[in-house]
């Protein structure tokens, strides 16, 4: 009976969970409520597991349903990815490829990939933008870019497909002349709150109201990573930076790593993904570049003091 499980059943199951009821799930799928209820009931019968407790006013996931929901989402995501890749491969070669890259992603990896891209697709013009946080999503949502290399947002727009790339190691640093640099051992968050934290800000509204790694109420917000880097070197504050961008400064003593309460000594991994509109996936050139970026080495997990 398990072989008879269909994608329609899984979509009905996931939509009912996401929308909170069979009727709301039906509206999302533009199906009749009876059809969605029947799809879910048939799914339960075929797998031999009760996915919902229907004793209350609204259906509630059973513990088994919560576990199987993860698998259902994974199956549907993989099917969407297969369809997107097939659509991209079937399309013609792009005369121009526009992409946007999160400023935290290693530019060396982009440049090396672009060198190989030039040799493989000599007739395809490459247009590259660099943005921060939600600003890297916006050109893709607006249709100006075929895909983006982005960091994680708490809620990614539902119209997008994401493919995981290697993450970026983020560490907390300060100039060697900064007062925090003189503290031996673990630095309490209460101490951090006494000093200005330099924070990368967002040019879009996609991350409005959300904070990423902000520990101090005293903040200076900068819209450019290189401006933040220059301010850090001059002791104007402390803050997080990608390890690859400051590794040489740590080695030569211009910056020091701060040991902060509740932050791993080896740094935090910021997940990175290639994202594109599910309805308009990249063509062959964009597909190749995404696969090439996926081959970039995993981030190092140890900063040099």
C-alpha atoms as a PDB file:
ATOM      1  CA  UNK A   1       0.000   0.000   0.000  1.00  0.00           C
ATOM      2  CA  UNK A   2       2.930   2.351   0.611  1.00  0.00           C
ATOM      3  CA  UNK A   3       3.723   2.347  -3.119  1.00  0.00           C
ATOM      4  CA  UNK A   4       0.354   4.022  -3.724  1.00  0.00           C
ATOM      5  CA  UNK A   5       1.244   7.132  -1.674  1.00  0.00           C
ATOM      6  CA  UNK A   6       0.917  10.146  -3.985  1.00  0.00           C
ATOM      7  CA  UNK A   7       2.367  13.629  -4.111  1.00  0.00           C
ATOM      8  CA  UNK A   8      -1.193  15.011  -3.918  1.00  0.00           C
ATOM      9  CA  UNK A   9      -1.656  13.240  -0.587  1.00  0.00           C
ATOM     10  CA  UNK A  10       1.591  14.629   0.782  1.00  0.00           C
ATOM     11  CA  UNK A  11       0.747  18.154  -0.399  1.00  0.00           C
ATOM     12  CA  UNK A  12      -2.690  17.912   1.229  1.00  0.00           C
ATOM     13  CA  UNK A  13      -1.075  16.724   4.473  1.00  0.00           C
ATOM     14  CA  UNK A  14       1.524  19.523   4.549  1.00  0.00           C
ATOM     15  CA  UNK A  15      -0.948  22.245   3.523  1.00  0.00           C
ATOM     16  CA  UNK A  16      -3.411  21.178   6.253  1.00  0.00           C
ATOM     17  CA  UNK A  17      -0.648  21.430   8.858  1.00  0.00           C
ATOM     18  CA  UNK A  18       0.688  24.759   7.582  1.00  0.00           C
ATOM     19  CA  UNK A  19      -2.761  26.367   7.352  1.00  0.00           C
ATOM     20  CA  UNK A  20      -4.147  24.882  10.582  1.00  0.00           C
ATOM     21  CA  UNK A  21      -7.167  23.021   9.193  1.00  0.00           C
ATOM     22  CA  UNK A  22      -8.361  20.945   6.257  1.00  0.00           C
ATOM     23  CA  UNK A  23     -10.569  23.788   5.017  1.00  0.00           C
ATOM     24  CA  UNK A  24      -7.717  26.329   5.086  1.00  0.00           C
ATOM     25  CA  UNK A  25      -5.400  23.795   3.470  1.00  0.00           C
ATOM     26  CA  UNK A  26      -7.989  23.255   0.741  1.00  0.00           C
ATOM     27  CA  UNK A  27      -8.143  26.993   0.064  1.00  0.00           C
ATOM     28  CA  UNK A  28      -4.373  27.143  -0.270  1.00  0.00           C
ATOM     29  CA  UNK A  29      -4.392  24.245  -2.731  1.00  0.00           C
ATOM     30  CA  UNK A  30      -7.528  25.546  -4.462  1.00  0.00           C
ATOM     31  CA  UNK A  31      -9.267  22.241  -3.874  1.00  0.00           C
ATOM     32  CA  UNK A  32     -12.552  21.304  -2.233  1.00  0.00           C
ATOM     33  CA  UNK A  33     -12.321  20.615   1.510  1.00  0.00           C
ATOM     34  CA  UNK A  34     -13.804  17.169   0.988  1.00  0.00           C
ATOM     35  CA  UNK A  35     -11.067  16.351  -1.525  1.00  0.00           C
ATOM     36  CA  UNK A  36      -8.297  17.408   0.849  1.00  0.00           C
ATOM     37  CA  UNK A  37      -9.850  15.540   3.790  1.00  0.00           C
ATOM     38  CA  UNK A  38     -10.137  12.426   1.639  1.00  0.00           C
ATOM     39  CA  UNK A  39      -6.536  12.691   0.449  1.00  0.00           C
ATOM     40  CA  UNK A  40      -5.285  12.884   4.046  1.00  0.00           C
ATOM     41  CA  UNK A  41      -7.555  10.048   5.223  1.00  0.00           C
ATOM     42  CA  UNK A  42      -6.382   7.831   2.349  1.00  0.00           C
ATOM     43  CA  UNK A  43      -2.788   8.655   3.207  1.00  0.00           C
ATOM     44  CA  UNK A  44      -3.362   7.595   6.827  1.00  0.00           C
ATOM     45  CA  UNK A  45      -4.953   4.356   5.663  1.00  0.00           C
ATOM     46  CA  UNK A  46      -2.157   3.529   3.255  1.00  0.00           C
ATOM     47  CA  UNK A  47       0.680   4.132   5.709  1.00  0.00           C
ATOM     48  CA  UNK A  48      -1.209   2.700   8.679  1.00  0.00           C
ATOM     49  CA  UNK A  49      -0.558   5.729  10.895  1.00  0.00           C
ATOM     50  CA  UNK A  50      -2.933   8.351  12.315  1.00  0.00           C
ATOM     51  CA  UNK A  51      -1.479  11.733  11.331  1.00  0.00           C
ATOM     52  CA  UNK A  52      -4.119  13.891  13.021  1.00  0.00           C
ATOM     53  CA  UNK A  53      -6.100  13.766  16.233  1.00  0.00           C
ATOM     54  CA  UNK A  54      -9.594  14.845  15.147  1.00  0.00           C
ATOM     55  CA  UNK A  55     -11.224  14.831  18.596  1.00  0.00           C
ATOM     56  CA  UNK A  56     -11.085  18.628  18.933  1.00  0.00           C
ATOM     57  CA  UNK A  57     -12.497  21.486  16.896  1.00  0.00           C
ATOM     58  CA  UNK A  58      -9.404  21.562  14.700  1.00  0.00           C
ATOM     59  CA  UNK A  59      -7.242  18.605  13.638  1.00  0.00           C
ATOM     60  CA  UNK A  60      -4.076  18.334  15.706  1.00  0.00           C
ATOM     61  CA  UNK A  61      -0.915  16.530  14.676  1.00  0.00           C
ATOM     62  CA  UNK A  62      -0.215  13.289  16.490  1.00  0.00           C
ATOM     63  CA  UNK A  63       3.382  12.634  17.622  1.00  0.00           C
ATOM     64  CA  UNK A  64       3.740  10.229  14.687  1.00  0.00           C
ATOM     65  CA  UNK A  65       2.308  12.867  12.361  1.00  0.00           C
ATOM     66  CA  UNK A  66       4.869  15.419  13.531  1.00  0.00           C
ATOM     67  CA  UNK A  67       7.697  13.005  12.692  1.00  0.00           C
ATOM     68  CA  UNK A  68       6.289  12.069   9.292  1.00  0.00           C
ATOM     69  CA  UNK A  69       5.687  15.742   8.464  1.00  0.00           C
ATOM     70  CA  UNK A  70       9.463  16.218   8.273  1.00  0.00           C
ATOM     71  CA  UNK A  71       9.747  13.397   5.742  1.00  0.00           C
ATOM     72  CA  UNK A  72       6.784  14.695   3.732  1.00  0.00           C
ATOM     73  CA  UNK A  73       8.350  18.148   3.469  1.00  0.00           C
ATOM     74  CA  UNK A  74      11.641  16.581   2.374  1.00  0.00           C
ATOM     75  CA  UNK A  75       9.961  14.516  -0.353  1.00  0.00           C
ATOM     76  CA  UNK A  76       8.078  17.519  -1.734  1.00  0.00           C
ATOM     77  CA  UNK A  77      11.182  19.728  -1.625  1.00  0.00           C
ATOM     78  CA  UNK A  78      13.181  17.143  -3.555  1.00  0.00           C
ATOM     79  CA  UNK A  79      10.439  16.830  -6.179  1.00  0.00           C
ATOM     80  CA  UNK A  80      10.347  20.624  -6.594  1.00  0.00           C
ATOM     81  CA  UNK A  81      14.131  20.650  -6.936  1.00  0.00           C
ATOM     82  CA  UNK A  82      14.015  17.923  -9.591  1.00  0.00           C
ATOM     83  CA  UNK A  83      11.396  19.877 -11.560  1.00  0.00           C
ATOM     84  CA  UNK A  84      13.393  23.103 -11.272  1.00  0.00           C
ATOM     85  CA  UNK A  85      16.606  21.463 -12.447  1.00  0.00           C
ATOM     86  CA  UNK A  86      14.864  19.773 -15.363  1.00  0.00           C
ATOM     87  CA  UNK A  87      13.232  23.039 -16.406  1.00  0.00           C
ATOM     88  CA  UNK A  88      16.581  24.830 -16.276  1.00  0.00           C
ATOM     89  CA  UNK A  89      18.365  22.136 -18.279  1.00  0.00           C
ATOM     90  CA  UNK A  90      15.613  22.075 -20.915  1.00  0.00           C
ATOM     91  CA  UNK A  91      15.824  25.839 -21.437  1.00  0.00           C
ATOM     92  CA  UNK A  92      18.217  27.526 -23.806  1.00  0.00           C
ATOM     93  CA  UNK A  93      21.591  28.942 -22.766  1.00  0.00           C
ATOM     94  CA  UNK A  94      21.234  32.371 -21.164  1.00  0.00           C
ATOM     95  CA  UNK A  95      22.776  35.289 -23.121  1.00  0.00           C
ATOM     96  CA  UNK A  96      23.284  37.016 -19.748  1.00  0.00           C
ATOM     97  CA  UNK A  97      23.353  35.620 -16.218  1.00  0.00           C
ATOM     98  CA  UNK A  98      22.591  37.988 -13.357  1.00  0.00           C
ATOM     99  CA  UNK A  99      23.312  36.841  -9.814  1.00  0.00           C
ATOM    100  CA  UNK A 100      23.465  38.439  -6.370  1.00  0.00           C
ATOM    101  CA  UNK A 101      25.876  37.334  -3.647  1.00  0.00           C
ATOM    102  CA  UNK A 102      25.722  37.900   0.091  1.00  0.00           C
ATOM    103  CA  UNK A 103      28.667  40.068   1.094  1.00  0.00           C
ATOM    104  CA  UNK A 104      29.628  37.503   3.762  1.00  0.00           C
ATOM    105  CA  UNK A 105      30.246  34.745   1.179  1.00  0.00           C
ATOM    106  CA  UNK A 106      33.971  34.364   0.259  1.00  0.00           C
ATOM    107  CA  UNK A 107      34.565  36.515  -2.810  1.00  0.00           C
ATOM    108  CA  UNK A 108      37.590  34.355  -3.674  1.00  0.00           C
ATOM    109  CA  UNK A 109      35.273  31.404  -4.215  1.00  0.00           C
ATOM    110  CA  UNK A 110      33.037  33.532  -6.447  1.00  0.00           C
ATOM    111  CA  UNK A 111      36.013  34.823  -8.444  1.00  0.00           C
ATOM    112  CA  UNK A 112      37.465  31.341  -9.010  1.00  0.00           C
ATOM    113  CA  UNK A 113      34.068  30.002 -10.058  1.00  0.00           C
ATOM    114  CA  UNK A 114      33.644  33.001 -12.391  1.00  0.00           C
ATOM    115  CA  UNK A 115      36.997  32.243 -14.031  1.00  0.00           C
ATOM    116  CA  UNK A 116      35.832  28.741 -14.881  1.00  0.00           C
ATOM    117  CA  UNK A 117      32.434  30.121 -15.905  1.00  0.00           C
ATOM    118  CA  UNK A 118      34.127  32.436 -18.447  1.00  0.00           C
ATOM    119  CA  UNK A 119      35.930  29.517 -20.064  1.00  0.00           C
ATOM    120  CA  UNK A 120      32.856  27.288 -20.171  1.00  0.00           C
ATOM    121  CA  UNK A 121      30.286  29.928 -21.229  1.00  0.00           C
ATOM    122  CA  UNK A 122      32.254  32.535 -23.236  1.00  0.00           C
ATOM    123  CA  UNK A 123      29.100  33.940 -24.874  1.00  0.00           C
ATOM    124  CA  UNK A 124      27.167  34.440 -21.618  1.00  0.00           C
ATOM    125  CA  UNK A 125      27.647  37.814 -19.946  1.00  0.00           C
ATOM    126  CA  UNK A 126      27.888  37.670 -16.147  1.00  0.00           C
ATOM    127  CA  UNK A 127      26.336  40.448 -14.063  1.00  0.00           C
ATOM    128  CA  UNK A 128      27.075  40.224 -10.336  1.00  0.00           C
ATOM    129  CA  UNK A 129      25.640  42.201  -7.416  1.00  0.00           C
ATOM    130  CA  UNK A 130      26.817  42.146  -3.789  1.00  0.00           C
ATOM    131  CA  UNK A 131      24.293  42.762  -1.011  1.00  0.00           C
ATOM    132  CA  UNK A 132      23.810  42.009   2.697  1.00  0.00           C
ATOM    133  CA  UNK A 133      21.155  40.019   4.585  1.00  0.00           C
ATOM    134  CA  UNK A 134      17.675  40.445   3.072  1.00  0.00           C
ATOM    135  CA  UNK A 135      19.160  42.701   0.408  1.00  0.00           C
ATOM    136  CA  UNK A 136      20.527  39.582  -1.283  1.00  0.00           C
ATOM    137  CA  UNK A 137      17.015  38.122  -1.592  1.00  0.00           C
ATOM    138  CA  UNK A 138      15.365  41.192  -3.095  1.00  0.00           C
ATOM    139  CA  UNK A 139      16.946  41.184  -6.608  1.00  0.00           C
ATOM    140  CA  UNK A 140      15.845  37.556  -6.994  1.00  0.00           C
ATOM    141  CA  UNK A 141      12.303  38.303  -5.806  1.00  0.00           C
ATOM    142  CA  UNK A 142      12.152  41.309  -8.150  1.00  0.00           C
ATOM    143  CA  UNK A 143      13.261  39.190 -11.102  1.00  0.00           C
ATOM    144  CA  UNK A 144      16.454  41.195 -11.640  1.00  0.00           C
ATOM    145  CA  UNK A 145      18.659  38.210 -10.810  1.00  0.00           C
ATOM    146  CA  UNK A 146      18.382  34.590 -11.868  1.00  0.00           C
ATOM    147  CA  UNK A 147      19.622  33.376  -8.495  1.00  0.00           C
ATOM    148  CA  UNK A 148      21.247  34.548  -5.296  1.00  0.00           C
ATOM    149  CA  UNK A 149      23.836  33.254  -2.854  1.00  0.00           C
ATOM    150  CA  UNK A 150      22.346  34.222   0.484  1.00  0.00           C
ATOM    151  CA  UNK A 151      22.581  33.732   4.221  1.00  0.00           C
ATOM    152  CA  UNK A 152      19.644  32.375   6.162  1.00  0.00           C
ATOM    153  CA  UNK A 153      16.605  34.451   7.069  1.00  0.00           C
ATOM    154  CA  UNK A 154      14.211  33.212   9.786  1.00  0.00           C
ATOM    155  CA  UNK A 155      11.478  33.015   7.147  1.00  0.00           C
ATOM    156  CA  UNK A 156      12.474  32.532   3.521  1.00  0.00           C
ATOM    157  CA  UNK A 157       9.852  33.703   0.979  1.00  0.00           C
ATOM    158  CA  UNK A 158       7.644  30.773   0.009  1.00  0.00           C
ATOM    159  CA  UNK A 159       8.042  31.461  -3.713  1.00  0.00           C
ATOM    160  CA  UNK A 160      11.710  30.492  -3.556  1.00  0.00           C
ATOM    161  CA  UNK A 161      13.635  27.251  -3.763  1.00  0.00           C
ATOM    162  CA  UNK A 162      16.858  26.977  -1.738  1.00  0.00           C
ATOM    163  CA  UNK A 163      19.842  24.684  -2.263  1.00  0.00           C
ATOM    164  CA  UNK A 164      22.333  24.457   0.585  1.00  0.00           C
ATOM    165  CA  UNK A 165      25.929  25.564  -0.011  1.00  0.00           C
ATOM    166  CA  UNK A 166      28.875  25.526   2.379  1.00  0.00           C
ATOM    167  CA  UNK A 167      28.415  27.822   5.364  1.00  0.00           C
ATOM    168  CA  UNK A 168      30.550  30.739   6.515  1.00  0.00           C
ATOM    169  CA  UNK A 169      32.372  30.818   9.866  1.00  0.00           C
ATOM    170  CA  UNK A 170      31.511  33.977  11.838  1.00  0.00           C
ATOM    171  CA  UNK A 171      33.665  35.090  14.763  1.00  0.00           C
ATOM    172  CA  UNK A 172      33.528  38.032  17.181  1.00  0.00           C
ATOM    173  CA  UNK A 173      36.527  40.354  16.940  1.00  0.00           C
ATOM    174  CA  UNK A 174      37.884  43.686  18.118  1.00  0.00           C
ATOM    175  CA  UNK A 175      40.996  45.760  17.556  1.00  0.00           C
ATOM    176  CA  UNK A 176      43.918  44.877  19.804  1.00  0.00           C
ATOM    177  CA  UNK A 177      43.590  48.407  21.299  1.00  0.00           C
ATOM    178  CA  UNK A 178      39.902  47.940  22.167  1.00  0.00           C
ATOM    179  CA  UNK A 179      39.104  47.577  25.919  1.00  0.00           C
ATOM    180  CA  UNK A 180      37.467  44.168  25.333  1.00  0.00           C
ATOM    181  CA  UNK A 181      40.729  42.841  23.908  1.00  0.00           C
ATOM    182  CA  UNK A 182      42.393  43.280  27.320  1.00  0.00           C
ATOM    183  CA  UNK A 183      39.943  40.919  29.043  1.00  0.00           C
ATOM    184  CA  UNK A 184      41.381  37.454  29.638  1.00  0.00           C
ATOM    185  CA  UNK A 185      38.983  34.522  29.449  1.00  0.00           C
ATOM    186  CA  UNK A 186      35.257  34.540  28.819  1.00  0.00           C
ATOM    187  CA  UNK A 187      33.543  37.914  28.327  1.00  0.00           C
ATOM    188  CA  UNK A 188      30.104  38.192  29.936  1.00  0.00           C
ATOM    189  CA  UNK A 189      27.252  39.646  27.916  1.00  0.00           C
ATOM    190  CA  UNK A 190      26.808  42.281  30.598  1.00  0.00           C
ATOM    191  CA  UNK A 191      30.299  43.530  29.771  1.00  0.00           C
ATOM    192  CA  UNK A 192      29.588  43.544  26.032  1.00  0.00           C
ATOM    193  CA  UNK A 193      26.597  45.791  26.657  1.00  0.00           C
ATOM    194  CA  UNK A 194      28.952  48.546  27.820  1.00  0.00           C
ATOM    195  CA  UNK A 195      30.630  48.828  24.416  1.00  0.00           C
ATOM    196  CA  UNK A 196      29.482  49.808  20.939  1.00  0.00           C
ATOM    197  CA  UNK A 197      28.779  46.841  18.679  1.00  0.00           C
ATOM    198  CA  UNK A 198      29.277  47.381  14.954  1.00  0.00           C
ATOM    199  CA  UNK A 199      26.352  45.771  13.117  1.00  0.00           C
ATOM    200  CA  UNK A 200      25.864  45.125   9.406  1.00  0.00           C
ATOM    201  CA  UNK A 201      22.509  46.574   8.385  1.00  0.00           C
ATOM    202  CA  UNK A 202      20.073  45.613   5.630  1.00  0.00           C
ATOM    203  CA  UNK A 203      19.137  47.698   2.594  1.00  0.00           C
ATOM    204  CA  UNK A 204      15.798  45.845   2.274  1.00  0.00           C
ATOM    205  CA  UNK A 205      12.811  45.382   4.584  1.00  0.00           C
ATOM    206  CA  UNK A 206      12.970  41.560   4.521  1.00  0.00           C
ATOM    207  CA  UNK A 207      14.805  41.401   7.845  1.00  0.00           C
ATOM    208  CA  UNK A 208      13.164  44.443   9.430  1.00  0.00           C
ATOM    209  CA  UNK A 209      12.602  43.952  13.160  1.00  0.00           C
ATOM    210  CA  UNK A 210      14.982  40.998  13.362  1.00  0.00           C
ATOM    211  CA  UNK A 211      18.459  41.028  14.871  1.00  0.00           C
ATOM    212  CA  UNK A 212      21.321  38.706  13.962  1.00  0.00           C
ATOM    213  CA  UNK A 213      23.959  38.222  16.638  1.00  0.00           C
ATOM    214  CA  UNK A 214      23.352  41.581  18.347  1.00  0.00           C
ATOM    215  CA  UNK A 215      24.419  41.481  22.007  1.00  0.00           C
ATOM    216  CA  UNK A 216      24.773  45.168  22.915  1.00  0.00           C
ATOM    217  CA  UNK A 217      22.119  47.912  23.147  1.00  0.00           C
ATOM    218  CA  UNK A 218      24.823  50.310  21.935  1.00  0.00           C
ATOM    219  CA  UNK A 219      25.087  49.810  18.181  1.00  0.00           C
ATOM    220  CA  UNK A 220      26.525  51.559  15.157  1.00  0.00           C
ATOM    221  CA  UNK A 221      24.878  50.220  12.001  1.00  0.00           C
ATOM    222  CA  UNK A 222      26.803  50.096   8.746  1.00  0.00           C
ATOM    223  CA  UNK A 223      25.495  49.146   5.324  1.00  0.00           C
ATOM    224  CA  UNK A 224      28.857  47.981   4.006  1.00  0.00           C
ATOM    225  CA  UNK A 225      31.016  45.113   5.282  1.00  0.00           C
ATOM    226  CA  UNK A 226      34.233  46.896   4.304  1.00  0.00           C
ATOM    227  CA  UNK A 227      33.194  49.981   6.277  1.00  0.00           C
ATOM    228  CA  UNK A 228      32.541  47.731   9.267  1.00  0.00           C
ATOM    229  CA  UNK A 229      35.976  46.157   8.797  1.00  0.00           C
ATOM    230  CA  UNK A 230      37.656  49.603   8.711  1.00  0.00           C
ATOM    231  CA  UNK A 231      35.801  50.690  11.865  1.00  0.00           C
ATOM    232  CA  UNK A 232      36.865  47.490  13.653  1.00  0.00           C
ATOM    233  CA  UNK A 233      40.525  48.050  12.785  1.00  0.00           C
ATOM    234  CA  UNK A 234      40.326  51.564  14.230  1.00  0.00           C
ATOM    235  CA  UNK A 235      38.827  50.390  17.526  1.00  0.00           C
ATOM    236  CA  UNK A 236      35.482  52.109  17.006  1.00  0.00           C
ATOM    237  CA  UNK A 237      33.598  49.058  18.230  1.00  0.00           C
ATOM    238  CA  UNK A 238      33.515  45.267  18.257  1.00  0.00           C
ATOM    239  CA  UNK A 239      31.486  42.874  16.135  1.00  0.00           C
ATOM    240  CA  UNK A 240      31.120  39.719  14.093  1.00  0.00           C
ATOM    241  CA  UNK A 241      33.058  39.121  10.896  1.00  0.00           C
ATOM    242  CA  UNK A 242      33.481  36.173   8.523  1.00  0.00           C
ATOM    243  CA  UNK A 243      36.676  34.347   9.445  1.00  0.00           C
ATOM    244  CA  UNK A 244      37.979  34.329   5.884  1.00  0.00           C
ATOM    245  CA  UNK A 245      37.834  38.146   5.763  1.00  0.00           C
ATOM    246  CA  UNK A 246      39.912  38.755   8.921  1.00  0.00           C
ATOM    247  CA  UNK A 247      42.161  35.685   9.102  1.00  0.00           C
ATOM    248  CA  UNK A 248      45.259  37.642   8.090  1.00  0.00           C
ATOM    249  CA  UNK A 249      44.486  40.412  10.585  1.00  0.00           C
ATOM    250  CA  UNK A 250      44.173  37.838  13.378  1.00  0.00           C
ATOM    251  CA  UNK A 251      47.458  36.226  12.376  1.00  0.00           C
ATOM    252  CA  UNK A 252      49.277  39.582  12.334  1.00  0.00           C
ATOM    253  CA  UNK A 253      47.658  40.838  15.557  1.00  0.00           C
ATOM    254  CA  UNK A 254      45.638  43.763  14.229  1.00  0.00           C
ATOM    255  CA  UNK A 255      42.443  42.090  15.415  1.00  0.00           C
ATOM    256  CA  UNK A 256      41.822  39.632  18.244  1.00  0.00           C
ATOM    257  CA  UNK A 257      39.133  37.004  18.711  1.00  0.00           C
ATOM    258  CA  UNK A 258      36.743  37.692  21.594  1.00  0.00           C
ATOM    259  CA  UNK A 259      35.667  34.776  23.795  1.00  0.00           C
ATOM    260  CA  UNK A 260      32.017  35.535  24.442  1.00  0.00           C
ATOM    261  CA  UNK A 261      29.576  33.838  26.773  1.00  0.00           C
ATOM    262  CA  UNK A 262      27.369  31.276  24.954  1.00  0.00           C
ATOM    263  CA  UNK A 263      29.289  31.674  21.661  1.00  0.00           C
ATOM    264  CA  UNK A 264      31.393  28.649  20.574  1.00  0.00           C
ATOM    265  CA  UNK A 265      35.135  29.326  20.690  1.00  0.00           C
ATOM    266  CA  UNK A 266      35.518  28.113  17.101  1.00  0.00           C
ATOM    267  CA  UNK A 267      32.873  30.510  15.817  1.00  0.00           C
ATOM    268  CA  UNK A 268      29.338  30.204  14.517  1.00  0.00           C
ATOM    269  CA  UNK A 269      28.455  28.689  11.148  1.00  0.00           C
ATOM    270  CA  UNK A 270      26.176  30.932   9.088  1.00  0.00           C
ATOM    271  CA  UNK A 271      24.292  28.652   6.653  1.00  0.00           C
ATOM    272  CA  UNK A 272      24.443  29.778   3.027  1.00  0.00           C
ATOM    273  CA  UNK A 273      22.184  28.752   0.153  1.00  0.00           C
ATOM    274  CA  UNK A 274      21.628  29.324  -3.531  1.00  0.00           C
ATOM    275  CA  UNK A 275      18.054  30.576  -3.986  1.00  0.00           C
ATOM    276  CA  UNK A 276      15.863  31.242  -6.999  1.00  0.00           C
ATOM    277  CA  UNK A 277      12.207  31.639  -7.858  1.00  0.00           C
ATOM    278  CA  UNK A 278      10.718  28.167  -8.106  1.00  0.00           C
ATOM    279  CA  UNK A 279       8.628  29.214 -11.105  1.00  0.00           C
ATOM    280  CA  UNK A 280      11.641  30.543 -13.051  1.00  0.00           C
ATOM    281  CA  UNK A 281      14.748  28.471 -12.210  1.00  0.00           C
ATOM    282  CA  UNK A 282      18.168  29.286 -13.673  1.00  0.00           C
ATOM    283  CA  UNK A 283      19.055  28.032 -17.134  1.00  0.00           C
ATOM    284  CA  UNK A 284      22.088  25.853 -17.992  1.00  0.00           C
ATOM    285  CA  UNK A 285      24.710  28.521 -17.192  1.00  0.00           C
ATOM    286  CA  UNK A 286      23.128  29.447 -13.869  1.00  0.00           C
ATOM    287  CA  UNK A 287      22.615  25.772 -13.027  1.00  0.00           C
ATOM    288  CA  UNK A 288      26.325  25.111 -13.692  1.00  0.00           C
ATOM    289  CA  UNK A 289      27.423  28.040 -11.498  1.00  0.00           C
ATOM    290  CA  UNK A 290      25.284  26.866  -8.573  1.00  0.00           C
ATOM    291  CA  UNK A 291      26.758  23.361  -8.815  1.00  0.00           C
ATOM    292  CA  UNK A 292      30.273  24.839  -8.993  1.00  0.00           C
ATOM    293  CA  UNK A 293      29.703  26.934  -5.860  1.00  0.00           C
ATOM    294  CA  UNK A 294      28.429  23.834  -4.079  1.00  0.00           C
ATOM    295  CA  UNK A 295      31.910  22.334  -4.558  1.00  0.00           C
ATOM    296  CA  UNK A 296      33.600  25.149  -2.612  1.00  0.00           C
ATOM    297  CA  UNK A 297      35.576  23.800   0.385  1.00  0.00           C
ATOM    298  CA  UNK A 298      33.879  23.515   3.762  1.00  0.00           C
ATOM    299  CA  UNK A 299      34.678  26.411   6.118  1.00  0.00           C
ATOM    300  CA  UNK A 300      37.593  26.125   8.527  1.00  0.00           C
ATOM    301  CA  UNK A 301      36.483  25.845  12.144  1.00  0.00           C
ATOM    302  CA  UNK A 302      39.521  27.254  13.878  1.00  0.00           C
ATOM    303  CA  UNK A 303      40.601  30.871  13.965  1.00  0.00           C
ATOM    304  CA  UNK A 304      44.231  31.814  14.363  1.00  0.00           C
ATOM    305  CA  UNK A 305      44.893  33.875  17.468  1.00  0.00           C
END
